[in-house]
Amino acid sequence: MKKQVETKQAVFDLLRFVQNRYGDKVKVNIKDPRNILSVWDNVRYRVQVMPPVPAWILDGKKICDGVPKLADLENAINDKLHLNPQLHPM
């Protein structure tokens, strides 16, 4: 249970960073993989359903399972948006 709470907090912190850093440039969708409406995405992106593990999809490509490092997430978004220089080198 403690691990699940820590994961949720880490995801929340990353999403808040993305919103603050990129604003309207990045659209965030949050889906529960246990929801029947998410079946197609679960298969397409090979999302782990039980126990649920966060999957990060950027422009139709899965970039991470679990909680990514801030630098990795930021670099992936910067690459997609063609923003330079990268703030956090990997």
C-alpha atoms as a PDB file:
ATOM      1  CA  MET A   1       0.000   0.000   0.000  1.00  0.00           C
ATOM      2  CA  LYS A   2       2.829   2.400   0.868  1.00  0.00           C
ATOM      3  CA  LYS A   3       4.485   1.741  -2.533  1.00  0.00           C
ATOM      4  CA  GLN A   4       1.193   2.493  -4.293  1.00  0.00           C
ATOM      5  CA  VAL A   5       0.847   5.821  -2.461  1.00  0.00           C
ATOM      6  CA  GLU A   6       4.452   6.745  -3.300  1.00  0.00           C
ATOM      7  CA  THR A   7       3.853   5.878  -6.969  1.00  0.00           C
ATOM      8  CA  LYS A   8       0.705   7.997  -7.112  1.00  0.00           C
ATOM      9  CA  GLN A   9       2.534  10.930  -5.523  1.00  0.00           C
ATOM     10  CA  ALA A  10       5.457  10.601  -7.944  1.00  0.00           C
ATOM     11  CA  VAL A  11       3.069  10.508 -10.922  1.00  0.00           C
ATOM     12  CA  PHE A  12       1.217  13.545  -9.561  1.00  0.00           C
ATOM     13  CA  ASP A  13       4.498  15.448  -9.157  1.00  0.00           C
ATOM     14  CA  LEU A  14       5.551  14.647 -12.726  1.00  0.00           C
ATOM     15  CA  LEU A  15       2.176  15.657 -14.139  1.00  0.00           C
ATOM     16  CA  ARG A  16       2.299  18.923 -12.213  1.00  0.00           C
ATOM     17  CA  PHE A  17       5.784  19.569 -13.621  1.00  0.00           C
ATOM     18  CA  VAL A  18       4.575  18.883 -17.173  1.00  0.00           C
ATOM     19  CA  GLN A  19       1.626  21.225 -16.729  1.00  0.00           C
ATOM     20  CA  ASN A  20       3.774  24.004 -15.242  1.00  0.00           C
ATOM     21  CA  ARG A  21       6.616  23.616 -17.747  1.00  0.00           C
ATOM     22  CA  TYR A  22       4.676  23.085 -20.990  1.00  0.00           C
ATOM     23  CA  GLY A  23       1.187  24.441 -20.345  1.00  0.00           C
ATOM     24  CA  ASP A  24      -1.060  24.047 -23.402  1.00  0.00           C
ATOM     25  CA  LYS A  25       1.751  22.595 -25.530  1.00  0.00           C
ATOM     26  CA  VAL A  26       1.183  19.168 -23.967  1.00  0.00           C
ATOM     27  CA  LYS A  27      -2.204  17.494 -23.566  1.00  0.00           C
ATOM     28  CA  VAL A  28      -2.387  14.941 -20.744  1.00  0.00           C
ATOM     29  CA  ASN A  29      -4.889  12.078 -20.691  1.00  0.00           C
ATOM     30  CA  ILE A  30      -5.152   9.841 -17.660  1.00  0.00           C
ATOM     31  CA  LYS A  31      -6.770   6.448 -18.104  1.00  0.00           C
ATOM     32  CA  ASP A  32      -7.371   3.647 -15.649  1.00  0.00           C
ATOM     33  CA  PRO A  33      -6.154   0.419 -17.285  1.00  0.00           C
ATOM     34  CA  ARG A  34      -8.708  -1.543 -15.268  1.00  0.00           C
ATOM     35  CA  ASN A  35     -11.549   0.264 -17.067  1.00  0.00           C
ATOM     36  CA  ILE A  36     -13.158  -1.754 -19.867  1.00  0.00           C
ATOM     37  CA  LEU A  37     -12.880   1.281 -22.160  1.00  0.00           C
ATOM     38  CA  SER A  38      -9.080   1.076 -21.892  1.00  0.00           C
ATOM     39  CA  VAL A  39      -8.787  -2.480 -23.259  1.00  0.00           C
ATOM     40  CA  TRP A  40      -7.625  -1.404 -26.733  1.00  0.00           C
ATOM     41  CA  ASP A  41      -4.955   0.936 -25.320  1.00  0.00           C
ATOM     42  CA  ASN A  42      -3.829  -1.749 -22.872  1.00  0.00           C
ATOM     43  CA  VAL A  43      -3.223  -4.162 -25.734  1.00  0.00           C
ATOM     44  CA  ARG A  44      -1.765  -1.605 -28.130  1.00  0.00           C
ATOM     45  CA  TYR A  45       0.738  -0.237 -25.601  1.00  0.00           C
ATOM     46  CA  ARG A  46       1.193  -3.428 -23.556  1.00  0.00           C
ATOM     47  CA  VAL A  47       0.047  -1.807 -20.341  1.00  0.00           C
ATOM     48  CA  GLN A  48       0.345  -3.889 -17.174  1.00  0.00           C
ATOM     49  CA  VAL A  49      -3.125  -4.083 -15.657  1.00  0.00           C
ATOM     50  CA  MET A  50      -2.737  -6.148 -12.478  1.00  0.00           C
ATOM     51  CA  PRO A  51      -1.226  -4.748 -10.464  1.00  0.00           C
ATOM     52  CA  PRO A  52      -1.645  -1.510 -12.395  1.00  0.00           C
ATOM     53  CA  VAL A  53       1.614   0.154 -13.409  1.00  0.00           C
ATOM     54  CA  PRO A  54       1.694   3.658 -14.919  1.00  0.00           C
ATOM     55  CA  ALA A  55       2.496   3.706 -18.628  1.00  0.00           C
ATOM     56  CA  TRP A  56       3.693   6.907 -20.272  1.00  0.00           C
ATOM     57  CA  ILE A  57       2.588   7.344 -23.886  1.00  0.00           C
ATOM     58  CA  LEU A  58       3.952  10.276 -25.864  1.00  0.00           C
ATOM     59  CA  ASP A  59       2.473  10.947 -29.289  1.00  0.00           C
ATOM     60  CA  GLY A  60       1.380   7.328 -29.728  1.00  0.00           C
ATOM     61  CA  LYS A  61       4.611   5.718 -28.501  1.00  0.00           C
ATOM     62  CA  LYS A  62       5.139   4.166 -25.070  1.00  0.00           C
ATOM     63  CA  ILE A  63       8.209   5.787 -23.532  1.00  0.00           C
ATOM     64  CA  CYS A  64       8.123   4.262 -20.064  1.00  0.00           C
ATOM     65  CA  ASP A  65       6.502   1.770 -17.709  1.00  0.00           C
ATOM     66  CA  GLY A  66       6.398   2.851 -14.103  1.00  0.00           C
ATOM     67  CA  VAL A  67       7.577   6.259 -12.957  1.00  0.00           C
ATOM     68  CA  PRO A  68      10.193   7.840 -15.221  1.00  0.00           C
ATOM     69  CA  LYS A  69      12.985  10.067 -14.033  1.00  0.00           C
ATOM     70  CA  LEU A  70      12.113  13.719 -14.478  1.00  0.00           C
ATOM     71  CA  ALA A  71      15.054  14.238 -16.840  1.00  0.00           C
ATOM     72  CA  ASP A  72      14.005  11.331 -19.067  1.00  0.00           C
ATOM     73  CA  LEU A  73      10.423  12.560 -19.300  1.00  0.00           C
ATOM     74  CA  GLU A  74      11.479  16.137 -19.953  1.00  0.00           C
ATOM     75  CA  ASN A  75      13.967  15.092 -22.621  1.00  0.00           C
ATOM     76  CA  ALA A  76      11.367  12.966 -24.394  1.00  0.00           C
ATOM     77  CA  ILE A  77       8.861  15.835 -24.420  1.00  0.00           C
ATOM     78  CA  ASN A  78      11.496  18.351 -25.519  1.00  0.00           C
ATOM     79  CA  ASP A  79      12.542  16.060 -28.365  1.00  0.00           C
ATOM     80  CA  LYS A  80       8.938  15.711 -29.502  1.00  0.00           C
ATOM     81  CA  LEU A  81       8.315  19.461 -29.298  1.00  0.00           C
ATOM     82  CA  HIS A  82      11.717  20.226 -30.849  1.00  0.00           C
ATOM     83  CA  LEU A  83      12.746  22.342 -27.867  1.00  0.00           C
ATOM     84  CA  ASN A  84      16.451  22.911 -27.270  1.00  0.00           C
ATOM     85  CA  PRO A  85      18.563  22.866 -25.266  1.00  0.00           C
ATOM     86  CA  GLN A  86      17.494  20.013 -23.041  1.00  0.00           C
ATOM     87  CA  LEU A  87      17.415  21.203 -19.470  1.00  0.00           C
ATOM     88  CA  HIS A  88      18.312  17.914 -17.838  1.00  0.00           C
ATOM     89  CA  PRO A  89      20.855  15.848 -19.805  1.00  0.00           C
ATOM     90  CA  MET A  90      20.392  12.119 -19.406  1.00  0.00           C
END
